[in-house]
Amino acid sequence: MPVDIDGLTVDELLQLNHRVVERIKMLRAMQAHVDMMAFNLGAKVSFETDAGRIIGTLVKYNRKTVNVVGDNGRHYRVTPGLLSAVKDVDSAPQPNQGSKKKRLR
């Protein structure tokens, strides 16, 4: 249902703009919370940067972001929507296999 804004005054448009901006902030915060709760503390996660994919461990929830400690030792503050889950990789060879393939759990 479209809203007719042609008849609104400048003050009414400013009030409407304020309400729209606040609604967008609330919806984004709710989505960030939903995205955040998809991962537990201690979960192995990954995300893309300009330098490539970073793999690390989720260590803290913030209001809009999460803190991740990368396998490289660096700390990152990441938007939860950018995270992907990483499955554990066991580097020990499986019995009766001579290859050094890694096994996914």
Protein backbone atom coordinates (compact mmCIF):
# COMPACT_ATOMS: atom_id res chain seq x y z
CA MET A 1 0.00 0.00 0.00
CA PRO A 2 1.80 3.16 -1.21
CA VAL A 3 1.87 6.22 1.02
CA ASP A 4 1.01 9.55 -0.59
CA ILE A 5 3.72 11.95 0.61
CA ASP A 6 2.97 14.76 -1.84
CA GLY A 7 0.70 16.57 0.65
CA LEU A 8 3.08 16.37 3.61
CA THR A 9 4.86 19.42 5.02
CA VAL A 10 8.62 19.55 5.52
CA ASP A 11 8.18 18.87 9.26
CA GLU A 12 5.90 15.90 8.54
CA LEU A 13 8.40 14.54 6.00
CA LEU A 14 11.23 14.88 8.54
CA GLN A 15 9.17 13.02 11.15
CA LEU A 16 8.34 10.31 8.62
CA ASN A 17 12.01 10.05 7.66
CA HIS A 18 13.00 9.67 11.31
CA ARG A 19 10.47 6.86 11.78
CA VAL A 20 11.63 5.10 8.60
CA VAL A 21 15.31 5.31 9.64
CA GLU A 22 14.51 3.96 13.13
CA ARG A 23 12.48 1.10 11.64
CA ILE A 24 15.34 0.17 9.30
CA LYS A 25 17.80 0.20 12.22
CA MET A 26 15.52 -2.05 14.25
CA LEU A 27 15.05 -4.53 11.37
CA ARG A 28 18.82 -4.68 10.76
CA ALA A 29 19.50 -5.23 14.47
CA MET A 30 16.93 -8.04 14.56
CA GLN A 31 18.50 -9.70 11.51
CA ALA A 32 22.00 -9.36 13.00
CA HIS A 33 20.74 -11.05 16.18
CA VAL A 34 19.19 -13.92 14.18
CA ASP A 35 22.43 -14.32 12.18
CA MET A 36 24.48 -14.20 15.38
CA MET A 37 22.47 -16.89 17.12
CA ALA A 38 23.17 -19.28 14.25
CA PHE A 39 26.67 -19.69 15.74
CA ASN A 40 27.71 -20.79 19.23
CA LEU A 41 30.66 -19.35 21.11
CA GLY A 42 33.70 -21.44 20.26
CA ALA A 43 32.33 -22.29 16.80
CA LYS A 44 34.79 -22.54 13.93
CA VAL A 45 33.81 -19.91 11.34
CA SER A 46 35.15 -18.30 8.21
CA PHE A 47 34.60 -15.04 6.34
CA GLU A 48 36.00 -13.28 3.28
CA THR A 49 38.31 -10.26 3.39
CA ASP A 50 40.15 -8.37 0.66
CA ALA A 51 43.17 -10.51 1.56
CA GLY A 52 41.23 -13.79 1.22
CA ARG A 53 39.27 -16.19 3.41
CA ILE A 54 39.92 -16.02 7.16
CA ILE A 55 39.22 -19.03 9.38
CA GLY A 56 38.88 -18.58 13.12
CA THR A 57 36.91 -19.14 16.31
CA LEU A 58 33.94 -17.09 17.46
CA VAL A 59 34.80 -15.77 20.93
CA LYS A 60 32.29 -13.02 21.76
CA TYR A 61 28.88 -11.64 20.81
CA ASN A 62 28.53 -7.86 20.55
CA ARG A 63 25.36 -5.90 19.89
CA LYS A 64 25.70 -5.91 16.08
CA THR A 65 28.90 -7.88 15.48
CA VAL A 66 30.86 -10.85 16.77
CA ASN A 67 34.53 -11.14 17.70
CA VAL A 68 36.51 -13.82 15.91
CA VAL A 69 40.07 -14.85 16.69
CA GLY A 70 41.62 -15.96 13.43
CA ASP A 71 43.83 -19.00 13.15
CA ASN A 72 46.52 -16.41 12.36
CA GLY A 73 46.10 -14.99 15.91
CA ARG A 74 44.49 -11.71 14.81
CA HIS A 75 41.21 -10.46 16.30
CA TYR A 76 38.35 -9.45 13.99
CA ARG A 77 34.99 -7.76 14.58
CA VAL A 78 32.67 -9.23 11.95
CA THR A 79 29.05 -8.73 10.91
CA PRO A 80 27.36 -12.10 11.62
CA GLY A 81 25.78 -12.22 8.16
CA LEU A 82 29.26 -12.58 6.64
CA LEU A 83 30.15 -15.72 8.63
CA SER A 84 30.09 -19.28 7.36
CA ALA A 85 30.36 -22.39 9.51
CA VAL A 86 33.54 -24.47 9.17
CA LYS A 87 33.52 -28.20 9.78
CA ASP A 88 36.32 -29.69 11.86
CA VAL A 89 39.07 -31.35 9.89
CA ASP A 90 40.95 -34.26 11.43
CA SER A 91 44.49 -34.40 10.04
CA ALA A 92 45.19 -37.95 11.31
CA PRO A 93 45.10 -40.64 8.60
CA GLN A 94 42.25 -43.09 8.82
CA PRO A 95 43.11 -46.74 9.64
CA ASN A 96 43.98 -48.95 6.63
CA GLN A 97 44.62 -45.93 4.43
CA GLY A 98 48.07 -44.95 3.33
CA SER A 99 47.04 -41.58 1.95
CA LYS A 100 47.26 -38.33 3.88
CA LYS A 101 43.76 -37.19 2.98
CA LYS A 102 41.98 -35.19 5.64
CA ARG A 103 38.72 -36.56 6.96
CA LEU A 104 35.67 -34.35 7.54
CA ARG A 105 33.58 -35.07 10.60
